[in-house]
Amino acid sequence: MKAIHLLAAGLVIFLSACQPTAPQLLTIIDGDHVQSIESAERVPLLILTRAGVGIAPNDRILFNGISVPPDQSLPNAASITLQIRRAVSLTLATLQGRQIIETSANTVGEALDEAGIQLYASDFLDPPANTAITGPLTVNYIPSRELSIYVNGQFIPTRSAAGTVGGVLAEAGIPLIGLDYSSPSGNEAPPADGQIRVVRVREFVKFELNPIPFTTETVQTDELELGEEKIIQPGLNGLAIARTRIRYEDEQEVGRVTESESVVRPPQAKVVSAGTKLVSHTLDGYQYWYSIQMYATSYSPCRSGISGCSYGTASGLPAQYGVVAMSRDWFYALQGMEVYVAGYGRGVVGDVGGGFPDGRAWIDLGYNDNNYQEWSEWVTVYFLGPPPAAIPYILEPQ
């Protein structure tokens, strides 16, 4: 670049020599040194050279306060002042290191622009871009970068040179308020992909009344017949007031926690008197001491739900009409007892059936293969007398 300037200056000098101009008084200012000379030259480089003022490649020449090229002829003017603005060293400190810029620019921003560095309002620059350059200077510079903030259901583009996500959000006017949080968190560096998410969080406390179910207490009495019940005290649900904290993130419920629950009215238990007295009754000529609703099915040796035929039972009796099966617990408690079912007749508890998955009371009515009848309905099962000395535990009031 310096060689080009010298070549151009030489050409200007040659042309000037061929076109003499009337001498004119000029003022030259070089820092604190001021001098006046009379010259017919119009090219700044020639004027300064003949005045003994040297020019460095990065120095700047001002003609009446306006920067002009050193090798181009000056316009006509009534008075001419040439001022030399000497280049100084500007040290540019970045995250990548330091760079020296020789500049005669008036301000920091002008110097960086001349160095090919595009500045944005969001860049970090210390001292600021409008700082005048009066001597060697160190400038700290962190360029901003493009970022995107997702908040309230929309993406907001921004630029920032902040070192943390919190700083980026503050510069963008999107602060975290209350329970709000960001991803990455506010004290982390902005992510490499430039994507920041802000989650708006709100919580509120809800108070609600919840019932406390009452329990049932059974009191056995021999004043009532087995199977009879009498309510001594009605049950009453209690009431509790619960304090529940509900959390929303971006208007979506993400959790609720019951922080406390206090009883405002305790429950009152229901007290039932259940009879244990065994009393004989008569039905269709049969005396019975207890009756219960059971679900009835039927089976025979070759219709017992297994492959092939089975003629034996859990009690050792043959599988035939008059032998009924019950679930295992009922069989152990009632084995050998006689029962009566309307439409079936008399039978004895003598076998164990497969039972029902839902645990309902169940009776499987036995048949011979040649007189099999299919059952699938609720029936009343009567336990025939005489009554036992003690109530089988399976039938005791609960």
Protein backbone atom coordinates (compact mmCIF):
# COMPACT_ATOMS: atom_id res chain seq x y z
CA MET A 1 0.00 0.00 0.00
CA LYS A 2 2.87 2.37 0.83
CA ALA A 3 4.49 1.74 -2.61
CA ILE A 4 1.22 2.58 -4.35
CA HIS A 5 0.96 5.84 -2.42
CA LEU A 6 4.53 6.77 -3.42
CA LEU A 7 3.87 5.92 -7.07
CA ALA A 8 0.70 8.02 -7.04
CA ALA A 9 2.50 10.84 -5.31
CA GLY A 10 5.23 10.74 -7.92
CA LEU A 11 2.67 10.95 -10.71
CA VAL A 12 0.91 13.86 -9.01
CA ILE A 13 4.21 15.68 -8.56
CA PHE A 14 5.03 15.21 -12.22
CA LEU A 15 1.67 16.54 -13.35
CA SER A 16 1.83 19.42 -10.92
CA ALA A 17 5.18 20.47 -12.22
CA CYS A 18 3.62 20.93 -15.62
CA GLN A 19 0.78 23.15 -14.29
CA PRO A 20 2.16 26.03 -12.19
CA THR A 21 -0.32 27.74 -9.83
CA ALA A 22 -0.14 31.05 -7.98
CA PRO A 23 1.36 30.64 -4.46
CA GLN A 24 -1.11 30.67 -1.50
CA LEU A 25 -0.61 30.92 2.27
CA LEU A 26 -1.31 27.57 4.02
CA THR A 27 -1.43 26.58 7.70
CA ILE A 28 -0.11 23.15 8.72
CA ILE A 29 -1.01 21.67 12.12
CA ASP A 30 0.88 18.58 13.29
CA GLY A 31 -0.05 17.88 16.87
CA ASP A 32 1.17 20.84 18.93
CA HIS A 33 3.34 22.13 16.08
CA VAL A 34 1.75 24.79 13.83
CA GLN A 35 3.46 26.40 10.85
CA SER A 36 2.44 28.61 7.95
CA ILE A 37 3.96 28.32 4.51
CA GLU A 38 3.37 29.81 1.10
CA SER A 39 2.99 27.25 -1.67
CA ALA A 40 1.55 26.95 -5.13
CA GLU A 41 1.08 23.17 -4.67
CA ARG A 42 -2.42 21.71 -4.36
CA VAL A 43 -1.57 18.05 -3.57
CA PRO A 44 -1.45 17.49 0.24
CA LEU A 45 1.44 15.00 0.07
CA LEU A 46 3.57 17.46 -1.96
CA ILE A 47 2.70 20.36 0.33
CA LEU A 48 3.66 18.42 3.46
CA THR A 49 6.80 16.97 1.88
CA ARG A 50 8.09 20.43 0.91
CA ALA A 51 7.21 21.63 4.45
CA GLY A 52 9.31 18.80 5.92
CA VAL A 53 6.34 16.99 7.44
CA GLY A 54 6.50 13.20 7.07
CA ILE A 55 3.34 11.07 6.69
CA ALA A 56 2.99 7.44 7.89
CA PRO A 57 0.72 5.05 5.94
CA ASN A 58 -2.08 5.14 8.56
CA ASP A 59 -1.92 8.87 9.29
CA ARG A 60 -4.84 11.03 8.19
CA ILE A 61 -4.80 14.47 6.48
CA LEU A 62 -7.64 16.91 7.15
CA PHE A 63 -8.30 19.76 4.73
CA ASN A 64 -10.16 22.49 6.61
CA GLY A 65 -11.39 19.75 9.00
CA ILE A 66 -12.39 17.26 6.29
CA SER A 67 -10.41 14.08 5.63
CA VAL A 68 -8.86 14.06 2.12
CA PRO A 69 -6.69 11.60 0.18
CA PRO A 70 -3.00 12.56 0.36
CA ASP A 71 -2.43 12.22 -3.39
CA GLN A 72 -5.41 14.11 -4.81
CA SER A 73 -5.48 17.81 -5.62
CA LEU A 74 -7.27 20.02 -3.12
CA PRO A 75 -10.31 22.05 -4.20
CA ASN A 76 -10.01 25.83 -4.43
CA ALA A 77 -10.49 27.58 -1.11
CA ALA A 78 -9.89 31.12 0.21
CA SER A 79 -7.84 29.67 3.08
CA ILE A 80 -6.24 26.28 3.52
CA THR A 81 -5.50 24.48 6.77
CA LEU A 82 -3.94 21.03 6.65
CA GLN A 83 -4.07 19.08 9.90
CA ILE A 84 -2.18 15.83 10.44
CA ARG A 85 -3.96 13.26 12.59
CA ARG A 86 -1.30 10.73 13.56
CA ALA A 87 -2.21 7.04 13.80
CA VAL A 88 -2.09 5.42 17.23
CA SER A 89 -2.27 1.81 18.38
CA LEU A 90 -5.70 0.48 19.31
CA THR A 91 -5.53 -2.89 21.10
CA LEU A 92 -8.69 -4.92 20.46
CA ALA A 93 -9.18 -7.49 23.25
CA THR A 94 -11.62 -10.32 22.41
CA LEU A 95 -12.36 -13.76 23.82
CA GLN A 96 -10.04 -15.17 21.16
CA GLY A 97 -7.09 -12.93 22.05
CA ARG A 98 -5.67 -9.49 21.24
CA GLN A 99 -5.34 -7.65 17.92
CA ILE A 100 -3.39 -4.40 17.28
CA ILE A 101 -5.01 -1.88 14.93
CA GLU A 102 -3.06 1.19 13.79
CA THR A 103 -5.68 3.88 13.27
CA SER A 104 -6.13 7.61 12.93
CA ALA A 105 -9.94 7.40 13.26
CA ASN A 106 -11.72 9.88 15.48
CA THR A 107 -13.72 7.35 17.49
CA VAL A 108 -13.58 3.68 18.55
CA GLY A 109 -16.57 2.82 16.37
CA GLU A 110 -15.04 4.49 13.33
CA ALA A 111 -11.75 2.64 13.87
CA LEU A 112 -13.45 -0.77 14.07
CA ASP A 113 -15.58 -0.02 11.02
CA GLU A 114 -12.46 0.86 9.04
CA ALA A 115 -10.94 -2.44 10.23
CA GLY A 116 -13.88 -4.31 8.69
CA ILE A 117 -15.60 -5.12 11.98
CA GLN A 118 -19.38 -4.71 11.79
CA LEU A 119 -20.81 -3.45 15.05
CA TYR A 120 -24.30 -4.11 16.45
CA ALA A 121 -26.03 -2.19 19.20
CA SER A 122 -26.06 -5.39 21.27
CA ASP A 123 -22.27 -5.92 21.04
CA PHE A 124 -20.25 -5.46 24.20
CA LEU A 125 -17.77 -2.61 23.64
CA ASP A 126 -15.72 -0.97 26.37
CA PRO A 127 -15.11 1.90 25.97
CA PRO A 128 -18.25 2.64 23.86
CA ALA A 129 -18.19 3.20 20.11
CA ASN A 130 -18.50 6.99 20.43
CA THR A 131 -15.38 7.27 22.57
CA ALA A 132 -12.85 9.70 21.04
CA ILE A 133 -9.39 8.28 20.31
CA THR A 134 -6.77 10.65 21.70
CA GLY A 135 -3.93 8.18 22.14
CA PRO A 136 -3.14 4.48 22.44
CA LEU A 137 -6.22 2.67 23.69
CA THR A 138 -7.34 -0.84 24.70
CA VAL A 139 -10.88 -1.80 23.66
CA ASN A 140 -12.67 -4.83 25.09
CA TYR A 141 -14.99 -6.31 22.48
CA ILE A 142 -17.45 -9.22 22.60
CA PRO A 143 -19.55 -9.54 19.46
CA SER A 144 -23.22 -10.34 19.94
CA ARG A 145 -24.76 -13.42 18.34
CA GLU A 146 -28.17 -14.31 17.00
CA LEU A 147 -30.39 -16.09 19.54
CA SER A 148 -34.01 -17.24 19.71
CA ILE A 149 -36.13 -17.11 22.87
CA TYR A 150 -39.27 -19.25 23.10
CA VAL A 151 -41.71 -17.66 25.52
CA ASN A 152 -45.49 -17.51 25.82
CA GLY A 153 -45.94 -19.78 22.81
CA GLN A 154 -43.82 -17.79 20.35
CA PHE A 155 -40.21 -17.47 19.20
CA ILE A 156 -38.57 -14.07 19.68
CA PRO A 157 -35.34 -13.43 17.74
CA THR A 158 -32.68 -11.33 19.46
CA ARG A 159 -28.96 -10.56 19.54
CA SER A 160 -26.83 -10.47 22.65
CA ALA A 161 -23.25 -10.57 23.84
CA ALA A 162 -24.23 -11.45 27.40
CA GLY A 163 -22.27 -14.27 29.01
CA THR A 164 -25.29 -15.86 30.72
CA VAL A 165 -28.83 -16.79 29.74
CA GLY A 166 -30.07 -14.46 32.47
CA GLY A 167 -28.18 -11.58 30.88
CA VAL A 168 -29.65 -12.40 27.47
CA LEU A 169 -33.18 -12.39 28.89
CA ALA A 170 -32.60 -9.11 30.73
CA GLU A 171 -31.35 -7.42 27.57
CA ALA A 172 -34.36 -8.76 25.62
CA GLY A 173 -36.77 -7.42 28.23
CA ILE A 174 -37.96 -10.92 29.14
CA PRO A 175 -37.13 -11.27 32.84
CA LEU A 176 -37.81 -14.37 34.93
CA ILE A 177 -40.52 -13.48 37.42
CA GLY A 178 -41.38 -15.38 40.57
CA LEU A 179 -41.17 -19.12 39.92
CA ASP A 180 -40.35 -18.78 36.20
CA TYR A 181 -37.31 -20.64 34.96
CA SER A 182 -35.35 -20.94 31.75
CA SER A 183 -33.67 -23.74 29.87
CA PRO A 184 -30.69 -23.50 30.05
CA SER A 185 -30.83 -21.95 33.52
CA GLY A 186 -30.16 -18.27 34.04
CA ASN A 187 -26.59 -18.69 35.31
CA GLU A 188 -25.51 -20.89 32.40
CA ALA A 189 -23.87 -19.68 29.20
CA PRO A 190 -26.12 -19.23 26.16
CA PRO A 191 -26.41 -22.59 24.34
CA ALA A 192 -24.47 -23.36 21.17
CA ASP A 193 -27.65 -23.75 19.13
CA GLY A 194 -28.92 -20.35 20.31
CA GLN A 195 -32.26 -21.74 21.52
CA ILE A 196 -33.48 -20.50 24.91
CA ARG A 197 -36.82 -21.45 26.45
CA VAL A 198 -38.59 -19.49 29.15
CA VAL A 199 -41.19 -21.39 31.18
CA ARG A 200 -43.82 -19.27 32.88
CA VAL A 201 -44.77 -20.78 36.23
CA ARG A 202 -47.66 -19.99 38.51
CA GLU A 203 -49.01 -21.70 41.58
CA PHE A 204 -52.18 -21.24 43.53
CA VAL A 205 -53.58 -22.80 46.67
CA LYS A 206 -56.98 -24.46 46.60
CA PHE A 207 -59.05 -25.26 49.68
CA GLU A 208 -61.66 -27.99 49.41
CA LEU A 209 -63.83 -30.08 51.70
CA ASN A 210 -63.34 -33.84 51.49
CA PRO A 211 -65.62 -36.45 53.05
CA ILE A 212 -64.15 -38.95 55.50
CA PRO A 213 -66.07 -42.23 55.03
CA PHE A 214 -67.51 -43.69 58.18
CA THR A 215 -66.72 -47.24 59.25
CA THR A 216 -69.18 -49.96 60.16
CA GLU A 217 -68.97 -51.79 63.47
CA THR A 218 -70.87 -55.05 63.94
CA VAL A 219 -72.05 -56.11 67.34
CA GLN A 220 -73.22 -59.73 67.61
CA THR A 221 -76.33 -60.49 69.62
CA ASP A 222 -78.35 -63.62 70.32
CA GLU A 223 -81.49 -61.52 70.54
CA LEU A 224 -81.74 -61.47 66.75
CA GLU A 225 -81.95 -64.40 64.37
CA LEU A 226 -78.89 -65.31 62.33
CA GLY A 227 -78.97 -63.16 59.20
CA GLU A 228 -81.00 -60.37 60.80
CA GLU A 229 -79.45 -56.96 61.37
CA LYS A 230 -80.54 -53.87 63.27
CA ILE A 231 -78.95 -50.45 63.00
CA ILE A 232 -78.09 -49.16 66.45
CA GLN A 233 -76.33 -46.01 65.28
CA PRO A 234 -76.42 -44.60 61.74
CA GLY A 235 -73.10 -43.75 60.17
CA LEU A 236 -72.09 -40.17 59.38
CA ASN A 237 -69.27 -39.14 57.09
CA GLY A 238 -66.70 -36.81 58.56
CA LEU A 239 -65.34 -33.70 56.84
CA ALA A 240 -61.76 -32.59 56.29
CA ILE A 241 -60.51 -29.38 54.74
CA ALA A 242 -57.51 -29.88 52.47
CA ARG A 243 -54.97 -27.27 51.36
CA THR A 244 -53.68 -28.22 47.91
CA ARG A 245 -50.99 -26.39 45.96
CA ILE A 246 -51.44 -26.64 42.18
CA ARG A 247 -48.58 -25.81 39.82
CA TYR A 248 -48.94 -24.68 36.21
CA GLU A 249 -46.13 -24.37 33.67
CA ASP A 250 -47.02 -22.48 30.49
CA GLU A 251 -50.69 -22.82 31.55
CA GLN A 252 -50.49 -26.63 31.74
CA GLU A 253 -51.02 -28.30 35.11
CA VAL A 254 -47.88 -30.24 36.02
CA GLY A 255 -48.56 -31.19 39.60
CA ARG A 256 -50.60 -30.81 42.72
CA VAL A 257 -49.58 -31.50 46.30
CA THR A 258 -51.81 -31.67 49.36
CA GLU A 259 -49.85 -29.61 51.86
CA SER A 260 -52.15 -30.12 54.81
CA GLU A 261 -55.49 -31.63 55.75
CA SER A 262 -57.38 -30.94 58.97
CA VAL A 263 -60.48 -32.64 60.24
CA VAL A 264 -63.37 -30.27 60.87
CA ARG A 265 -65.83 -33.03 61.71
CA PRO A 266 -64.79 -36.56 62.65
CA PRO A 267 -66.76 -39.46 61.15
CA GLN A 268 -69.35 -41.29 63.22
CA ALA A 269 -69.23 -45.05 62.90
CA LYS A 270 -72.27 -47.02 61.87
CA VAL A 271 -73.10 -49.61 64.52
CA VAL A 272 -75.05 -52.66 63.42
CA SER A 273 -76.42 -55.36 65.67
CA ALA A 274 -76.14 -58.76 63.90
CA GLY A 275 -78.13 -61.75 65.08
CA THR A 276 -76.55 -65.08 66.06
CA LYS A 277 -79.65 -66.94 67.27
CA LEU A 278 -80.43 -70.08 65.29
CA VAL A 279 -84.15 -70.50 64.59
CA SER A 280 -85.82 -73.29 62.61
CA HIS A 281 -88.21 -72.46 59.76
CA THR A 282 -90.20 -74.65 57.36
CA LEU A 283 -90.31 -74.42 53.55
CA ASP A 284 -91.79 -76.99 51.15
CA GLY A 285 -91.84 -79.47 54.02
CA TYR A 286 -88.15 -78.89 54.89
CA GLN A 287 -86.94 -77.39 58.13
CA TYR A 288 -84.06 -74.94 57.71
CA TRP A 289 -82.08 -72.76 60.10
CA TYR A 290 -80.41 -70.32 57.64
CA SER A 291 -80.84 -69.10 54.06
CA ILE A 292 -78.50 -67.15 51.74
CA GLN A 293 -78.40 -65.93 48.16
CA MET A 294 -75.85 -67.80 46.03
CA TYR A 295 -75.08 -68.02 42.34
CA ALA A 296 -75.94 -71.51 41.05
CA THR A 297 -74.25 -73.45 38.27
CA SER A 298 -74.37 -77.18 37.56
CA TYR A 299 -72.04 -80.04 36.70
CA SER A 300 -71.94 -83.81 36.15
CA PRO A 301 -69.04 -86.30 35.95
CA CYS A 302 -68.47 -85.63 32.26
CA ARG A 303 -69.43 -81.93 32.40
CA SER A 304 -67.05 -80.67 35.08
CA GLY A 305 -64.92 -78.41 32.90
CA ILE A 306 -61.99 -80.82 32.57
CA SER A 307 -60.85 -83.14 29.83
CA GLY A 308 -62.62 -86.46 30.19
CA CYS A 309 -64.89 -87.49 33.07
CA SER A 310 -64.37 -87.28 36.84
CA TYR A 311 -66.53 -89.40 39.14
CA GLY A 312 -64.92 -88.58 42.48
CA THR A 313 -65.43 -85.61 44.84
CA ALA A 314 -63.42 -83.89 47.58
CA SER A 315 -65.49 -85.63 50.27
CA GLY A 316 -65.18 -89.10 48.72
CA LEU A 317 -68.82 -89.20 47.66
CA PRO A 318 -69.50 -90.09 44.01
CA ALA A 319 -70.19 -87.16 41.69
CA GLN A 320 -73.96 -87.42 41.14
CA TYR A 321 -77.27 -85.78 41.71
CA GLY A 322 -77.65 -84.64 45.34
CA VAL A 323 -73.97 -83.72 45.82
CA VAL A 324 -73.26 -79.98 45.59
CA ALA A 325 -69.94 -78.17 45.40
CA MET A 326 -68.85 -74.86 46.92
CA SER A 327 -65.65 -72.84 47.05
CA ARG A 328 -62.82 -74.36 49.06
CA ASP A 329 -63.33 -72.23 52.23
CA TRP A 330 -67.05 -72.88 52.23
CA PHE A 331 -66.54 -76.61 51.66
CA TYR A 332 -64.19 -76.95 54.66
CA ALA A 333 -66.63 -75.04 56.89
CA LEU A 334 -69.85 -76.70 55.68
CA GLN A 335 -68.84 -80.20 54.51
CA GLY A 336 -71.63 -82.72 55.13
CA MET A 337 -74.36 -80.14 55.71
CA GLU A 338 -77.60 -80.60 53.84
CA VAL A 339 -79.10 -77.81 51.74
CA TYR A 340 -82.28 -77.26 49.79
CA VAL A 341 -82.63 -75.30 46.51
CA ALA A 342 -86.07 -74.78 45.00
CA GLY A 343 -86.18 -76.40 41.58
CA TYR A 344 -83.28 -78.69 42.41
CA GLY A 345 -84.19 -80.31 45.66
CA ARG A 346 -82.12 -81.63 48.50
CA GLY A 347 -78.33 -81.91 48.43
CA VAL A 348 -75.27 -82.34 50.61
CA VAL A 349 -72.11 -80.18 50.59
CA GLY A 350 -69.59 -82.74 49.33
CA ASP A 351 -67.27 -81.24 46.73
CA VAL A 352 -64.98 -78.30 45.91
CA GLY A 353 -65.67 -76.25 42.78
CA GLY A 354 -63.48 -73.92 40.82
CA GLY A 355 -65.17 -70.82 42.19
CA PHE A 356 -65.75 -67.44 40.58
CA PRO A 357 -63.06 -64.83 39.89
CA ASP A 358 -65.18 -62.11 41.52
CA GLY A 359 -65.50 -64.09 44.78
CA ARG A 360 -69.30 -64.23 44.81
CA ALA A 361 -71.08 -66.82 47.00
CA TRP A 362 -71.47 -69.84 44.72
CA ILE A 363 -72.99 -73.30 44.61
CA ASP A 364 -72.44 -75.91 41.87
CA LEU A 365 -75.39 -78.36 41.69
CA GLY A 366 -74.38 -81.95 40.97
CA TYR A 367 -76.14 -84.21 38.44
CA ASN A 368 -75.69 -87.59 36.82
CA ASP A 369 -74.75 -87.41 33.15
CA ASN A 370 -78.11 -88.85 32.11
CA ASN A 371 -80.24 -86.30 33.99
CA TYR A 372 -78.02 -83.20 33.66
CA GLN A 373 -79.71 -79.78 33.75
CA GLU A 374 -77.88 -76.50 33.19
CA TRP A 375 -78.05 -73.75 35.84
CA SER A 376 -76.78 -70.19 35.69
CA GLU A 377 -78.75 -67.91 38.04
CA TRP A 378 -79.06 -66.54 41.54
CA VAL A 379 -80.95 -68.80 43.95
CA THR A 380 -81.79 -69.00 47.65
CA VAL A 381 -79.91 -71.79 49.41
CA TYR A 382 -81.55 -73.13 52.59
CA PHE A 383 -79.43 -74.93 55.21
CA LEU A 384 -81.51 -77.80 56.59
CA GLY A 385 -81.92 -78.63 60.27
CA PRO A 386 -81.35 -79.48 62.85
CA PRO A 387 -79.20 -76.37 63.56
CA PRO A 388 -75.55 -77.03 64.42
CA ALA A 389 -74.23 -76.48 67.93
CA ALA A 390 -72.13 -73.53 66.71
CA ILE A 391 -72.41 -71.24 63.73
CA PRO A 392 -69.87 -72.18 61.01
CA TYR A 393 -67.30 -69.36 60.87
CA ILE A 394 -68.03 -68.73 57.16
CA LEU A 395 -71.58 -67.66 58.13
CA GLU A 396 -70.73 -65.64 61.26
CA PRO A 397 -71.78 -61.96 61.24
CA GLN A 398 -68.87 -59.80 60.12
